[in-house]
Amino acid sequence: MLTGGVWAEIRVGNEHLRLFSEHNAQGVQASVYNMTTKSWLAPSELVEEIEQGKERAIERAREYLKHAAHSEMPPLTWKESRSR
């Protein structure tokens, strides 16, 4: 169950990623989902707080975009996640 967090979306060329930093039943986790391939870039990673999760998700996305799209990270707008 999601209890709070943030997410952001990136579209660069053919790449479409969603970055997450959320607090759920397992704790605070950072993750990046590839909307194009419908797969996670890596398993969710436990972090200490939402801000650390944002930084970790950005690092993962930046690495991926550098290699897959030969592109730099665009500016992000973080949005509040909805709890269920």
C-alpha atoms as a PDB file:
ATOM      1  CA  MET A   1       0.000   0.000   0.000  1.00  0.00           C
ATOM      2  CA  LEU A   2       1.358   3.370  -1.036  1.00  0.00           C
ATOM      3  CA  THR A   3       1.450   5.922   1.768  1.00  0.00           C
ATOM      4  CA  GLY A   4       3.170   8.780  -0.068  1.00  0.00           C
ATOM      5  CA  GLY A   5       5.903   9.780  -2.439  1.00  0.00           C
ATOM      6  CA  VAL A   6       6.658  11.400  -5.759  1.00  0.00           C
ATOM      7  CA  TRP A   7       7.098  10.454  -9.407  1.00  0.00           C
ATOM      8  CA  ALA A   8       8.454  12.084 -12.571  1.00  0.00           C
ATOM      9  CA  GLU A   9       8.308  11.334 -16.277  1.00  0.00           C
ATOM     10  CA  ILE A  10      11.013  11.575 -18.943  1.00  0.00           C
ATOM     11  CA  ARG A  11      10.567  11.455 -22.710  1.00  0.00           C
ATOM     12  CA  VAL A  12      13.743  11.600 -24.783  1.00  0.00           C
ATOM     13  CA  GLY A  13      13.621  10.413 -28.378  1.00  0.00           C
ATOM     14  CA  ASN A  14      12.029   6.950 -28.293  1.00  0.00           C
ATOM     15  CA  GLU A  15      12.676   6.576 -24.554  1.00  0.00           C
ATOM     16  CA  HIS A  16       9.869   7.021 -22.031  1.00  0.00           C
ATOM     17  CA  LEU A  17      10.743   6.523 -18.352  1.00  0.00           C
ATOM     18  CA  ARG A  18       8.894   7.009 -15.070  1.00  0.00           C
ATOM     19  CA  LEU A  19      10.897   7.628 -11.915  1.00  0.00           C
ATOM     20  CA  PHE A  20       9.476   6.847  -8.489  1.00  0.00           C
ATOM     21  CA  SER A  21      10.437   7.594  -4.896  1.00  0.00           C
ATOM     22  CA  GLU A  22       7.665   6.250  -2.716  1.00  0.00           C
ATOM     23  CA  HIS A  23       6.863   5.117   0.789  1.00  0.00           C
ATOM     24  CA  ASN A  24       4.980   1.819   0.861  1.00  0.00           C
ATOM     25  CA  ALA A  25       4.573  -1.216   3.117  1.00  0.00           C
ATOM     26  CA  GLN A  26       8.214  -2.242   2.504  1.00  0.00           C
ATOM     27  CA  GLY A  27       9.622   1.209   3.361  1.00  0.00           C
ATOM     28  CA  VAL A  28      10.879   4.015   1.141  1.00  0.00           C
ATOM     29  CA  GLN A  29      11.894   2.778  -2.302  1.00  0.00           C
ATOM     30  CA  ALA A  30      13.381   4.252  -5.472  1.00  0.00           C
ATOM     31  CA  SER A  31      12.645   2.761  -8.888  1.00  0.00           C
ATOM     32  CA  VAL A  32      12.605   3.533 -12.607  1.00  0.00           C
ATOM     33  CA  TYR A  33      10.093   2.019 -15.040  1.00  0.00           C
ATOM     34  CA  ASN A  34      10.652   1.903 -18.794  1.00  0.00           C
ATOM     35  CA  MET A  35       7.261   2.669 -20.349  1.00  0.00           C
ATOM     36  CA  THR A  36       8.524   1.688 -23.811  1.00  0.00           C
ATOM     37  CA  THR A  37       9.585  -1.852 -22.893  1.00  0.00           C
ATOM     38  CA  LYS A  38       7.086  -2.211 -20.016  1.00  0.00           C
ATOM     39  CA  SER A  39       9.845  -3.280 -17.626  1.00  0.00           C
ATOM     40  CA  TRP A  40      11.712  -2.042 -14.563  1.00  0.00           C
ATOM     41  CA  LEU A  41      15.280  -0.858 -15.167  1.00  0.00           C
ATOM     42  CA  ALA A  42      16.294  -2.596 -11.934  1.00  0.00           C
ATOM     43  CA  PRO A  43      14.558  -3.899  -8.811  1.00  0.00           C
ATOM     44  CA  SER A  44      13.255  -1.279  -6.395  1.00  0.00           C
ATOM     45  CA  GLU A  45      15.948  -0.061  -4.046  1.00  0.00           C
ATOM     46  CA  LEU A  46      15.370   0.670  -0.374  1.00  0.00           C
ATOM     47  CA  VAL A  47      16.455   4.179   0.642  1.00  0.00           C
ATOM     48  CA  GLU A  48      16.254   6.230   3.835  1.00  0.00           C
ATOM     49  CA  GLU A  49      13.930   9.013   2.672  1.00  0.00           C
ATOM     50  CA  ILE A  50      11.991  10.352  -0.319  1.00  0.00           C
ATOM     51  CA  GLU A  51      14.718  12.869  -1.271  1.00  0.00           C
ATOM     52  CA  GLN A  52      17.362  10.144  -1.333  1.00  0.00           C
ATOM     53  CA  GLY A  53      15.014   8.038  -3.469  1.00  0.00           C
ATOM     54  CA  LYS A  54      14.629  10.886  -5.956  1.00  0.00           C
ATOM     55  CA  GLU A  55      18.406  11.193  -6.240  1.00  0.00           C
ATOM     56  CA  ARG A  56      18.836   7.442  -6.716  1.00  0.00           C
ATOM     57  CA  ALA A  57      16.096   7.261  -9.376  1.00  0.00           C
ATOM     58  CA  ILE A  58      17.709  10.189 -11.221  1.00  0.00           C
ATOM     59  CA  GLU A  59      21.096   8.429 -11.139  1.00  0.00           C
ATOM     60  CA  ARG A  60      19.600   5.255 -12.625  1.00  0.00           C
ATOM     61  CA  ALA A  61      17.692   7.145 -15.324  1.00  0.00           C
ATOM     62  CA  ARG A  62      20.724   9.294 -16.192  1.00  0.00           C
ATOM     63  CA  GLU A  63      22.887   6.186 -16.614  1.00  0.00           C
ATOM     64  CA  TYR A  64      20.265   4.489 -18.754  1.00  0.00           C
ATOM     65  CA  LEU A  65      19.710   7.514 -21.017  1.00  0.00           C
ATOM     66  CA  LYS A  66      23.441   7.997 -21.470  1.00  0.00           C
ATOM     67  CA  HIS A  67      23.867   4.448 -22.796  1.00  0.00           C
ATOM     68  CA  ALA A  68      20.517   3.700 -24.456  1.00  0.00           C
ATOM     69  CA  ALA A  69      19.663   7.067 -26.003  1.00  0.00           C
ATOM     70  CA  HIS A  70      23.077   8.790 -25.981  1.00  0.00           C
ATOM     71  CA  SER A  71      21.260  11.657 -24.319  1.00  0.00           C
ATOM     72  CA  GLU A  72      21.528  13.844 -21.258  1.00  0.00           C
ATOM     73  CA  MET A  73      18.935  13.984 -18.512  1.00  0.00           C
ATOM     74  CA  PRO A  74      16.242  16.604 -19.176  1.00  0.00           C
ATOM     75  CA  PRO A  75      14.850  18.787 -16.367  1.00  0.00           C
ATOM     76  CA  LEU A  76      12.336  16.960 -14.167  1.00  0.00           C
ATOM     77  CA  THR A  77       9.054  17.954 -12.610  1.00  0.00           C
ATOM     78  CA  TRP A  78       8.193  15.779  -9.627  1.00  0.00           C
ATOM     79  CA  LYS A  79       4.514  15.123  -8.865  1.00  0.00           C
ATOM     80  CA  GLU A  80       2.895  13.796  -5.716  1.00  0.00           C
ATOM     81  CA  SER A  81       1.962  10.111  -5.825  1.00  0.00           C
ATOM     82  CA  ARG A  82      -1.590   9.183  -4.964  1.00  0.00           C
ATOM     83  CA  SER A  83      -2.106   6.870  -2.018  1.00  0.00           C
ATOM     84  CA  ARG A  84      -4.583   4.026  -2.185  1.00  0.00           C
END
